[in-house]
Amino acid sequence: MGDVCSRGYPLSACEYRIEKAAGLLLSTEKKAGEIATACGFSDISYFTRRFREINGCTPLEYRKENICF
């Protein structure tokens, strides 16, 4: 989860859900759409757009860059 102390304010609900999704991308083999739905996003395009705004890449790029096989 995010570090409230270093940011000076708590995570928004959307940021919390995006962080949860990021964790699931790395810990499961579920598709990004399934993870988006599980984290409360009904619009996959919105999920992808917000994920990119927060993490600097799409969910699939995030998974690819952070998992070592």
N, C-alpha and C. Protein backbone atom coordinates (compact mmCIF):
# COMPACT_ATOMS: atom_id res chain seq x y z
N MET A 1 0.83 -1.18 0.00
CA MET A 1 0.00 0.00 0.00
C MET A 1 0.88 1.25 0.00
N GLY A 2 0.26 2.35 -0.30
CA GLY A 2 1.01 3.59 -0.39
C GLY A 2 1.50 4.07 0.96
N ASP A 3 2.51 4.88 0.92
CA ASP A 3 3.10 5.41 2.12
C ASP A 3 2.47 6.77 2.42
N VAL A 4 1.57 6.82 3.37
CA VAL A 4 0.88 8.05 3.71
C VAL A 4 1.85 9.10 4.23
N CYS A 5 2.83 8.68 5.00
CA CYS A 5 3.77 9.64 5.59
C CYS A 5 4.56 10.40 4.54
N SER A 6 5.08 9.74 3.54
CA SER A 6 5.91 10.43 2.56
C SER A 6 5.08 11.30 1.62
N ARG A 7 3.83 10.95 1.41
CA ARG A 7 2.97 11.73 0.53
C ARG A 7 2.31 12.87 1.28
N GLY A 8 2.09 12.68 2.57
CA GLY A 8 1.45 13.71 3.36
C GLY A 8 -0.07 13.64 3.36
N TYR A 9 -0.65 12.73 2.60
CA TYR A 9 -2.09 12.56 2.57
C TYR A 9 -2.42 11.12 2.20
N PRO A 10 -3.58 10.65 2.61
CA PRO A 10 -3.94 9.25 2.32
C PRO A 10 -4.30 9.05 0.85
N LEU A 11 -4.29 7.80 0.44
CA LEU A 11 -4.68 7.45 -0.92
C LEU A 11 -6.15 7.72 -1.16
N SER A 12 -6.48 8.14 -2.38
CA SER A 12 -7.89 8.23 -2.75
C SER A 12 -8.41 6.82 -2.97
N ALA A 13 -9.71 6.67 -3.04
CA ALA A 13 -10.30 5.36 -3.28
C ALA A 13 -9.81 4.78 -4.61
N CYS A 14 -9.71 5.61 -5.62
CA CYS A 14 -9.25 5.14 -6.92
C CYS A 14 -7.79 4.69 -6.85
N GLU A 15 -6.95 5.47 -6.19
CA GLU A 15 -5.54 5.11 -6.06
C GLU A 15 -5.40 3.79 -5.30
N TYR A 16 -6.21 3.62 -4.28
CA TYR A 16 -6.18 2.37 -3.51
C TYR A 16 -6.52 1.18 -4.41
N ARG A 17 -7.57 1.34 -5.22
CA ARG A 17 -7.99 0.24 -6.11
C ARG A 17 -6.92 -0.03 -7.17
N ILE A 18 -6.27 1.01 -7.66
CA ILE A 18 -5.20 0.83 -8.64
C ILE A 18 -4.02 0.09 -8.00
N GLU A 19 -3.67 0.44 -6.79
CA GLU A 19 -2.57 -0.27 -6.11
C GLU A 19 -2.93 -1.74 -5.87
N LYS A 20 -4.17 -1.99 -5.52
CA LYS A 20 -4.63 -3.37 -5.34
C LYS A 20 -4.52 -4.12 -6.67
N ALA A 21 -4.93 -3.47 -7.76
CA ALA A 21 -4.85 -4.09 -9.09
C ALA A 21 -3.40 -4.36 -9.46
N ALA A 22 -2.50 -3.43 -9.15
CA ALA A 22 -1.08 -3.63 -9.46
C ALA A 22 -0.55 -4.87 -8.76
N GLY A 23 -0.93 -5.05 -7.51
CA GLY A 23 -0.51 -6.24 -6.77
C GLY A 23 -1.05 -7.51 -7.40
N LEU A 24 -2.30 -7.48 -7.82
CA LEU A 24 -2.89 -8.66 -8.46
C LEU A 24 -2.25 -8.96 -9.81
N LEU A 25 -1.85 -7.93 -10.53
CA LEU A 25 -1.17 -8.15 -11.81
C LEU A 25 0.12 -8.94 -11.62
N LEU A 26 0.79 -8.70 -10.49
CA LEU A 26 2.06 -9.38 -10.24
C LEU A 26 1.91 -10.72 -9.53
N SER A 27 0.79 -10.91 -8.84
CA SER A 27 0.64 -12.13 -8.04
C SER A 27 -0.31 -13.17 -8.64
N THR A 28 -0.97 -12.82 -9.75
CA THR A 28 -1.88 -13.77 -10.40
C THR A 28 -1.63 -13.75 -11.90
N GLU A 29 -2.24 -14.70 -12.57
CA GLU A 29 -2.17 -14.73 -14.04
C GLU A 29 -3.49 -14.29 -14.66
N LYS A 30 -4.36 -13.68 -13.87
CA LYS A 30 -5.65 -13.19 -14.38
C LYS A 30 -5.42 -12.11 -15.42
N LYS A 31 -6.37 -12.00 -16.35
CA LYS A 31 -6.32 -10.96 -17.36
C LYS A 31 -6.58 -9.61 -16.71
N ALA A 32 -6.05 -8.56 -17.33
CA ALA A 32 -6.20 -7.21 -16.78
C ALA A 32 -7.67 -6.84 -16.62
N GLY A 33 -8.51 -7.23 -17.53
CA GLY A 33 -9.94 -6.93 -17.43
C GLY A 33 -10.58 -7.60 -16.23
N GLU A 34 -10.19 -8.81 -15.95
CA GLU A 34 -10.71 -9.53 -14.78
C GLU A 34 -10.27 -8.82 -13.50
N ILE A 35 -9.03 -8.38 -13.47
CA ILE A 35 -8.50 -7.69 -12.30
C ILE A 35 -9.21 -6.35 -12.12
N ALA A 36 -9.41 -5.64 -13.22
CA ALA A 36 -10.12 -4.35 -13.15
C ALA A 36 -11.50 -4.54 -12.53
N THR A 37 -12.22 -5.53 -12.99
CA THR A 37 -13.56 -5.81 -12.47
C THR A 37 -13.50 -6.19 -10.99
N ALA A 38 -12.54 -7.03 -10.63
CA ALA A 38 -12.39 -7.47 -9.24
C ALA A 38 -12.07 -6.29 -8.32
N CYS A 39 -11.45 -5.25 -8.87
CA CYS A 39 -11.07 -4.09 -8.06
C CYS A 39 -12.12 -2.97 -8.13
N GLY A 40 -13.26 -3.26 -8.74
CA GLY A 40 -14.36 -2.31 -8.72
C GLY A 40 -14.49 -1.39 -9.92
N PHE A 41 -13.74 -1.65 -10.98
CA PHE A 41 -13.86 -0.84 -12.19
C PHE A 41 -14.79 -1.53 -13.18
N SER A 42 -15.83 -0.83 -13.61
CA SER A 42 -16.75 -1.42 -14.59
C SER A 42 -16.38 -1.04 -16.01
N ASP A 43 -15.55 -0.02 -16.16
CA ASP A 43 -15.12 0.46 -17.48
C ASP A 43 -13.61 0.19 -17.61
N ILE A 44 -13.26 -0.76 -18.47
CA ILE A 44 -11.86 -1.17 -18.62
C ILE A 44 -11.01 -0.03 -19.18
N SER A 45 -11.56 0.77 -20.07
CA SER A 45 -10.82 1.90 -20.63
C SER A 45 -10.47 2.91 -19.54
N TYR A 46 -11.41 3.18 -18.66
CA TYR A 46 -11.15 4.10 -17.55
C TYR A 46 -10.09 3.52 -16.62
N PHE A 47 -10.20 2.24 -16.32
CA PHE A 47 -9.20 1.57 -15.49
C PHE A 47 -7.81 1.72 -16.09
N THR A 48 -7.69 1.43 -17.37
CA THR A 48 -6.39 1.51 -18.04
C THR A 48 -5.85 2.94 -18.03
N ARG A 49 -6.72 3.91 -18.29
CA ARG A 49 -6.30 5.32 -18.30
C ARG A 49 -5.82 5.76 -16.92
N ARG A 50 -6.58 5.45 -15.87
CA ARG A 50 -6.18 5.82 -14.51
C ARG A 50 -4.92 5.07 -14.08
N PHE A 51 -4.81 3.79 -14.45
CA PHE A 51 -3.61 3.01 -14.12
C PHE A 51 -2.39 3.68 -14.72
N ARG A 52 -2.49 4.10 -15.98
CA ARG A 52 -1.37 4.77 -16.65
C ARG A 52 -1.03 6.10 -15.99
N GLU A 53 -2.04 6.87 -15.61
CA GLU A 53 -1.80 8.15 -14.94
C GLU A 53 -1.03 7.96 -13.63
N ILE A 54 -1.37 6.90 -12.90
CA ILE A 54 -0.78 6.67 -11.58
C ILE A 54 0.57 5.96 -11.67
N ASN A 55 0.69 4.98 -12.57
CA ASN A 55 1.90 4.15 -12.63
C ASN A 55 2.81 4.44 -13.82
N GLY A 56 2.37 5.26 -14.75
CA GLY A 56 3.22 5.62 -15.88
C GLY A 56 3.28 4.59 -16.99
N CYS A 57 2.42 3.57 -16.92
CA CYS A 57 2.37 2.55 -17.96
C CYS A 57 1.02 1.84 -17.88
N THR A 58 0.70 1.08 -18.90
CA THR A 58 -0.56 0.33 -18.90
C THR A 58 -0.43 -0.87 -17.95
N PRO A 59 -1.54 -1.47 -17.58
CA PRO A 59 -1.46 -2.65 -16.72
C PRO A 59 -0.61 -3.78 -17.32
N LEU A 60 -0.72 -4.02 -18.61
CA LEU A 60 0.06 -5.09 -19.21
C LEU A 60 1.55 -4.75 -19.27
N GLU A 61 1.88 -3.49 -19.53
CA GLU A 61 3.28 -3.07 -19.50
C GLU A 61 3.83 -3.21 -18.08
N TYR A 62 3.02 -2.87 -17.09
CA TYR A 62 3.42 -2.98 -15.69
C TYR A 62 3.76 -4.43 -15.36
N ARG A 63 2.90 -5.34 -15.77
CA ARG A 63 3.13 -6.76 -15.50
C ARG A 63 4.41 -7.22 -16.20
N LYS A 64 4.57 -6.85 -17.44
CA LYS A 64 5.72 -7.27 -18.23
C LYS A 64 7.03 -6.76 -17.64
N GLU A 65 7.02 -5.51 -17.16
CA GLU A 65 8.24 -4.89 -16.63
C GLU A 65 8.60 -5.35 -15.23
N ASN A 66 7.64 -5.89 -14.50
CA ASN A 66 7.87 -6.20 -13.09
C ASN A 66 7.88 -7.67 -12.74
N ILE A 67 7.66 -8.54 -13.69
CA ILE A 67 7.69 -9.98 -13.40
C ILE A 67 8.89 -10.59 -14.11
N CYS A 68 9.66 -11.34 -13.36
CA CYS A 68 10.81 -12.04 -13.92
C CYS A 68 10.44 -13.53 -14.05
N PHE A 69 10.54 -14.04 -15.22
CA PHE A 69 10.22 -15.46 -15.44
C PHE A 69 11.47 -16.28 -15.54
